[in-house]
Amino acid sequence: MLNLLKFKQRAAYEDGRESNFSGAEAYGIYAGEVGAHIGKVGGKAIFGGQVSRLMLGEVEELWDSVALVMYPSRKAMFAMTQDPAYQESAIHRRAGLDGQLNIEVKGGLGIDQL
């Protein structure tokens, strides 16, 4: 799963709690917890990084960060999102994100096979 992430300037929690976190800081709490949830269903985080600039193409606005996560199946990812412990962590994800694209990618192709 390729994740494209856009952060809010200020975190906004659904339960109305006060927060001085930026969106990126709130998402950082989630990021610190989500690895254990991913591992519990047999997945693993492959890569994460901040977007620094656009090399080719045209877009109105760049994403802030990208993350690449491997799940053994869609079923495993769905099971993770239904776990109450994950849902507690996801509170910070929702508070921090202004936008997100999750793009399912099938693996196994080398660059010469694209």
N, C-alpha and C. Protein backbone atom coordinates (compact mmCIF):
# COMPACT_ATOMS: atom_id res chain seq x y z
N MET A 1 0.85 -1.16 0.00
CA MET A 1 0.00 0.00 0.00
C MET A 1 0.90 1.23 0.00
N LEU A 2 0.73 2.06 -1.01
CA LEU A 2 1.43 3.33 -1.08
C LEU A 2 0.51 4.39 -0.48
N ASN A 3 1.01 5.09 0.53
CA ASN A 3 0.24 6.12 1.22
C ASN A 3 0.81 7.49 0.89
N LEU A 4 -0.02 8.39 0.39
CA LEU A 4 0.35 9.78 0.18
C LEU A 4 -0.37 10.59 1.25
N LEU A 5 0.38 11.39 1.99
CA LEU A 5 -0.15 12.04 3.18
C LEU A 5 -0.03 13.56 3.12
N LYS A 6 -1.09 14.25 3.52
CA LYS A 6 -1.11 15.70 3.62
C LYS A 6 -1.55 16.03 5.05
N PHE A 7 -0.75 16.83 5.75
CA PHE A 7 -1.03 17.12 7.15
C PHE A 7 -1.77 18.44 7.34
N LYS A 8 -2.60 18.47 8.37
CA LYS A 8 -3.25 19.71 8.79
C LYS A 8 -2.20 20.61 9.43
N GLN A 9 -2.43 21.90 9.39
CA GLN A 9 -1.54 22.83 10.10
C GLN A 9 -1.58 22.53 11.60
N ARG A 10 -2.79 22.38 12.14
CA ARG A 10 -3.00 22.09 13.55
C ARG A 10 -3.85 20.83 13.65
N ALA A 11 -3.46 19.94 14.55
CA ALA A 11 -4.24 18.71 14.77
C ALA A 11 -5.63 19.09 15.27
N ALA A 12 -6.63 18.35 14.81
CA ALA A 12 -8.02 18.56 15.23
C ALA A 12 -8.60 17.20 15.61
N TYR A 13 -8.76 16.98 16.90
CA TYR A 13 -9.28 15.70 17.39
C TYR A 13 -10.80 15.69 17.36
N GLU A 14 -11.36 14.56 16.91
CA GLU A 14 -12.81 14.41 16.78
C GLU A 14 -13.53 14.54 18.11
N ASP A 15 -12.86 14.16 19.20
CA ASP A 15 -13.51 14.22 20.51
C ASP A 15 -13.41 15.61 21.14
N GLY A 16 -12.85 16.57 20.41
CA GLY A 16 -12.79 17.95 20.87
C GLY A 16 -11.68 18.25 21.86
N ARG A 17 -10.79 17.30 22.11
CA ARG A 17 -9.72 17.54 23.08
C ARG A 17 -8.82 18.67 22.62
N GLU A 18 -8.30 19.41 23.58
CA GLU A 18 -7.35 20.48 23.30
C GLU A 18 -6.02 19.86 22.90
N SER A 19 -5.37 20.48 21.94
CA SER A 19 -4.08 19.98 21.48
C SER A 19 -3.26 21.13 20.92
N ASN A 20 -1.99 21.12 21.24
CA ASN A 20 -1.05 22.08 20.66
C ASN A 20 -0.22 21.43 19.56
N PHE A 21 -0.58 20.20 19.18
CA PHE A 21 0.16 19.46 18.16
C PHE A 21 -0.12 20.03 16.77
N SER A 22 0.90 20.00 15.94
CA SER A 22 0.66 20.20 14.52
C SER A 22 0.05 18.91 13.98
N GLY A 23 -0.47 18.96 12.78
CA GLY A 23 -0.99 17.74 12.17
C GLY A 23 0.10 16.69 12.03
N ALA A 24 1.29 17.11 11.65
CA ALA A 24 2.41 16.17 11.49
C ALA A 24 2.78 15.53 12.83
N GLU A 25 2.72 16.29 13.91
CA GLU A 25 3.04 15.74 15.23
C GLU A 25 1.99 14.72 15.67
N ALA A 26 0.72 15.03 15.44
CA ALA A 26 -0.34 14.07 15.78
C ALA A 26 -0.17 12.80 14.97
N TYR A 27 0.09 12.95 13.68
CA TYR A 27 0.31 11.77 12.84
C TYR A 27 1.54 11.00 13.32
N GLY A 28 2.54 11.71 13.81
CA GLY A 28 3.75 11.06 14.34
C GLY A 28 3.45 10.13 15.50
N ILE A 29 2.46 10.50 16.33
CA ILE A 29 2.04 9.60 17.42
C ILE A 29 1.49 8.32 16.82
N TYR A 30 0.63 8.47 15.83
CA TYR A 30 0.07 7.31 15.12
C TYR A 30 1.18 6.47 14.50
N ALA A 31 2.10 7.13 13.81
CA ALA A 31 3.19 6.42 13.14
C ALA A 31 4.03 5.62 14.13
N GLY A 32 4.21 6.16 15.33
CA GLY A 32 4.97 5.45 16.35
C GLY A 32 4.27 4.21 16.87
N GLU A 33 2.97 4.15 16.73
CA GLU A 33 2.18 3.02 17.22
C GLU A 33 1.79 2.03 16.14
N VAL A 34 1.65 2.49 14.90
CA VAL A 34 1.05 1.65 13.86
C VAL A 34 1.94 0.48 13.45
N GLY A 35 3.24 0.59 13.59
CA GLY A 35 4.12 -0.51 13.23
C GLY A 35 3.77 -1.80 13.95
N ALA A 36 3.43 -1.70 15.23
CA ALA A 36 3.05 -2.90 16.00
C ALA A 36 1.75 -3.49 15.46
N HIS A 37 0.81 -2.63 15.07
CA HIS A 37 -0.46 -3.12 14.51
C HIS A 37 -0.23 -3.81 13.17
N ILE A 38 0.63 -3.21 12.36
CA ILE A 38 0.95 -3.81 11.05
C ILE A 38 1.61 -5.17 11.25
N GLY A 39 2.56 -5.24 12.16
CA GLY A 39 3.25 -6.50 12.44
C GLY A 39 2.33 -7.58 12.96
N LYS A 40 1.32 -7.19 13.73
CA LYS A 40 0.39 -8.15 14.31
C LYS A 40 -0.38 -8.91 13.23
N VAL A 41 -0.58 -8.29 12.05
CA VAL A 41 -1.31 -8.97 10.97
C VAL A 41 -0.36 -9.52 9.90
N GLY A 42 0.94 -9.51 10.20
CA GLY A 42 1.91 -10.10 9.27
C GLY A 42 2.47 -9.15 8.23
N GLY A 43 2.24 -7.85 8.40
CA GLY A 43 2.77 -6.88 7.45
C GLY A 43 4.03 -6.22 7.97
N LYS A 44 4.56 -5.29 7.19
CA LYS A 44 5.70 -4.51 7.67
C LYS A 44 5.81 -3.21 6.89
N ALA A 45 6.28 -2.19 7.60
CA ALA A 45 6.53 -0.90 6.96
C ALA A 45 7.81 -1.03 6.16
N ILE A 46 7.77 -0.62 4.90
CA ILE A 46 8.91 -0.74 4.00
C ILE A 46 9.69 0.56 3.91
N PHE A 47 8.97 1.68 3.81
CA PHE A 47 9.63 2.97 3.57
C PHE A 47 8.73 4.10 4.01
N GLY A 48 9.31 5.16 4.48
CA GLY A 48 8.58 6.39 4.77
C GLY A 48 9.52 7.57 4.59
N GLY A 49 8.99 8.68 4.12
CA GLY A 49 9.82 9.85 3.95
C GLY A 49 9.01 11.09 3.64
N GLN A 50 9.66 12.24 3.84
CA GLN A 50 9.03 13.52 3.53
C GLN A 50 9.24 13.86 2.07
N VAL A 51 8.23 14.41 1.45
CA VAL A 51 8.34 14.87 0.07
C VAL A 51 9.13 16.16 0.07
N SER A 52 10.18 16.24 -0.73
CA SER A 52 11.01 17.44 -0.74
C SER A 52 10.75 18.33 -1.95
N ARG A 53 10.46 17.72 -3.10
CA ARG A 53 10.13 18.52 -4.29
C ARG A 53 9.60 17.61 -5.38
N LEU A 54 9.02 18.22 -6.38
CA LEU A 54 8.51 17.50 -7.54
C LEU A 54 9.59 17.48 -8.61
N MET A 55 9.93 16.30 -9.08
CA MET A 55 10.97 16.17 -10.10
C MET A 55 10.41 16.25 -11.51
N LEU A 56 9.20 15.72 -11.72
CA LEU A 56 8.63 15.66 -13.06
C LEU A 56 7.11 15.66 -12.94
N GLY A 57 6.46 16.39 -13.80
CA GLY A 57 5.00 16.42 -13.79
C GLY A 57 4.47 17.72 -13.24
N GLU A 58 3.15 17.77 -13.13
CA GLU A 58 2.48 18.97 -12.65
C GLU A 58 1.39 18.59 -11.67
N VAL A 59 1.38 19.26 -10.54
CA VAL A 59 0.32 19.10 -9.55
C VAL A 59 0.06 20.46 -8.93
N GLU A 60 -1.13 20.64 -8.38
CA GLU A 60 -1.44 21.90 -7.72
C GLU A 60 -0.68 22.03 -6.41
N GLU A 61 -0.58 20.93 -5.69
CA GLU A 61 0.06 20.96 -4.37
C GLU A 61 0.72 19.61 -4.12
N LEU A 62 1.91 19.63 -3.52
CA LEU A 62 2.61 18.39 -3.21
C LEU A 62 2.07 17.74 -1.95
N TRP A 63 2.19 16.45 -1.86
CA TRP A 63 1.91 15.73 -0.63
C TRP A 63 3.05 16.02 0.33
N ASP A 64 2.80 15.88 1.63
CA ASP A 64 3.84 16.14 2.62
C ASP A 64 4.76 14.95 2.83
N SER A 65 4.18 13.76 2.86
CA SER A 65 4.96 12.54 3.15
C SER A 65 4.41 11.37 2.34
N VAL A 66 5.24 10.35 2.23
CA VAL A 66 4.83 9.10 1.62
C VAL A 66 5.23 7.95 2.54
N ALA A 67 4.49 6.87 2.47
CA ALA A 67 4.83 5.67 3.21
C ALA A 67 4.45 4.47 2.35
N LEU A 68 5.26 3.44 2.42
CA LEU A 68 5.00 2.19 1.71
C LEU A 68 4.94 1.07 2.74
N VAL A 69 3.81 0.37 2.75
CA VAL A 69 3.58 -0.69 3.73
C VAL A 69 3.17 -1.96 3.00
N MET A 70 3.74 -3.10 3.42
CA MET A 70 3.39 -4.39 2.84
C MET A 70 2.44 -5.11 3.80
N TYR A 71 1.30 -5.51 3.27
CA TYR A 71 0.35 -6.36 4.00
C TYR A 71 0.29 -7.70 3.26
N PRO A 72 0.14 -8.80 3.98
CA PRO A 72 0.07 -10.09 3.29
C PRO A 72 -1.18 -10.25 2.43
N SER A 73 -2.22 -9.48 2.75
CA SER A 73 -3.47 -9.55 1.98
C SER A 73 -4.35 -8.36 2.34
N ARG A 74 -5.37 -8.13 1.51
CA ARG A 74 -6.37 -7.11 1.84
C ARG A 74 -7.08 -7.48 3.13
N LYS A 75 -7.34 -8.77 3.28
CA LYS A 75 -8.04 -9.26 4.47
C LYS A 75 -7.25 -8.91 5.74
N ALA A 76 -5.93 -9.04 5.68
CA ALA A 76 -5.09 -8.71 6.84
C ALA A 76 -5.17 -7.22 7.16
N MET A 77 -5.12 -6.39 6.12
CA MET A 77 -5.21 -4.95 6.35
C MET A 77 -6.57 -4.59 6.94
N PHE A 78 -7.63 -5.17 6.41
CA PHE A 78 -8.97 -4.90 6.92
C PHE A 78 -9.08 -5.35 8.38
N ALA A 79 -8.53 -6.53 8.69
CA ALA A 79 -8.57 -7.03 10.07
C ALA A 79 -7.86 -6.05 11.01
N MET A 80 -6.74 -5.51 10.57
CA MET A 80 -6.01 -4.54 11.38
C MET A 80 -6.89 -3.32 11.68
N THR A 81 -7.55 -2.79 10.65
CA THR A 81 -8.34 -1.57 10.83
C THR A 81 -9.56 -1.79 11.73
N GLN A 82 -9.99 -3.04 11.89
CA GLN A 82 -11.14 -3.34 12.74
C GLN A 82 -10.75 -3.60 14.19
N ASP A 83 -9.48 -3.77 14.46
CA ASP A 83 -8.98 -4.06 15.81
C ASP A 83 -9.17 -2.81 16.69
N PRO A 84 -9.82 -2.95 17.86
CA PRO A 84 -10.01 -1.79 18.74
C PRO A 84 -8.71 -1.09 19.14
N ALA A 85 -7.64 -1.84 19.30
CA ALA A 85 -6.35 -1.22 19.65
C ALA A 85 -5.86 -0.33 18.51
N TYR A 86 -6.03 -0.79 17.27
CA TYR A 86 -5.66 0.04 16.12
C TYR A 86 -6.53 1.29 16.07
N GLN A 87 -7.81 1.12 16.30
CA GLN A 87 -8.73 2.26 16.23
C GLN A 87 -8.37 3.34 17.24
N GLU A 88 -7.82 2.96 18.39
CA GLU A 88 -7.34 3.94 19.37
C GLU A 88 -6.17 4.73 18.80
N SER A 89 -5.25 4.05 18.13
CA SER A 89 -4.12 4.73 17.50
C SER A 89 -4.58 5.63 16.36
N ALA A 90 -5.57 5.17 15.61
CA ALA A 90 -6.04 5.90 14.43
C ALA A 90 -6.67 7.24 14.77
N ILE A 91 -7.01 7.47 16.03
CA ILE A 91 -7.52 8.78 16.46
C ILE A 91 -6.51 9.86 16.10
N HIS A 92 -5.22 9.57 16.30
CA HIS A 92 -4.16 10.53 16.01
C HIS A 92 -3.97 10.70 14.50
N ARG A 93 -4.17 9.63 13.76
CA ARG A 93 -4.08 9.70 12.29
C ARG A 93 -5.13 10.66 11.75
N ARG A 94 -6.36 10.48 12.19
CA ARG A 94 -7.45 11.34 11.71
C ARG A 94 -7.26 12.79 12.17
N ALA A 95 -6.73 12.98 13.36
CA ALA A 95 -6.50 14.33 13.88
C ALA A 95 -5.44 15.07 13.07
N GLY A 96 -4.48 14.33 12.54
CA GLY A 96 -3.36 14.95 11.87
C GLY A 96 -3.48 15.10 10.37
N LEU A 97 -4.29 14.28 9.74
CA LEU A 97 -4.34 14.28 8.27
C LEU A 97 -5.39 15.23 7.71
N ASP A 98 -4.95 15.99 6.72
CA ASP A 98 -5.85 16.84 5.95
C ASP A 98 -6.29 16.11 4.68
N GLY A 99 -5.49 15.16 4.25
CA GLY A 99 -5.81 14.37 3.07
C GLY A 99 -4.90 13.15 3.00
N GLN A 100 -5.39 12.12 2.33
CA GLN A 100 -4.62 10.90 2.20
C GLN A 100 -5.10 10.12 0.98
N LEU A 101 -4.15 9.55 0.27
CA LEU A 101 -4.47 8.58 -0.77
C LEU A 101 -3.78 7.28 -0.39
N ASN A 102 -4.53 6.19 -0.39
CA ASN A 102 -3.98 4.86 -0.19
C ASN A 102 -4.10 4.14 -1.52
N ILE A 103 -2.96 3.82 -2.11
CA ILE A 103 -2.93 3.23 -3.44
C ILE A 103 -2.43 1.80 -3.32
N GLU A 104 -3.28 0.85 -3.69
CA GLU A 104 -2.88 -0.55 -3.64
C GLU A 104 -1.94 -0.83 -4.81
N VAL A 105 -0.81 -1.43 -4.50
CA VAL A 105 0.21 -1.73 -5.49
C VAL A 105 0.51 -3.23 -5.42
N LYS A 106 0.53 -3.88 -6.57
CA LYS A 106 0.90 -5.29 -6.61
C LYS A 106 2.41 -5.38 -6.80
N GLY A 107 3.04 -6.19 -6.00
CA GLY A 107 4.48 -6.34 -6.03
C GLY A 107 4.94 -7.40 -7.02
N GLY A 108 6.23 -7.56 -7.08
CA GLY A 108 6.79 -8.63 -7.88
C GLY A 108 7.40 -8.22 -9.19
N LEU A 109 7.19 -6.98 -9.63
CA LEU A 109 7.74 -6.55 -10.90
C LEU A 109 9.05 -5.80 -10.68
N GLY A 110 10.05 -6.16 -11.45
CA GLY A 110 11.27 -5.39 -11.45
C GLY A 110 11.08 -4.17 -12.35
N ILE A 111 11.95 -3.20 -12.23
CA ILE A 111 11.83 -1.98 -13.00
C ILE A 111 11.86 -2.27 -14.50
N ASP A 112 12.57 -3.31 -14.90
CA ASP A 112 12.64 -3.65 -16.33
C ASP A 112 11.37 -4.32 -16.83
N GLN A 113 10.44 -4.65 -15.93
CA GLN A 113 9.20 -5.31 -16.33
C GLN A 113 8.00 -4.37 -16.35
N LEU A 114 8.21 -3.11 -16.06
CA LEU A 114 7.08 -2.16 -16.02
C LEU A 114 6.59 -1.81 -17.41
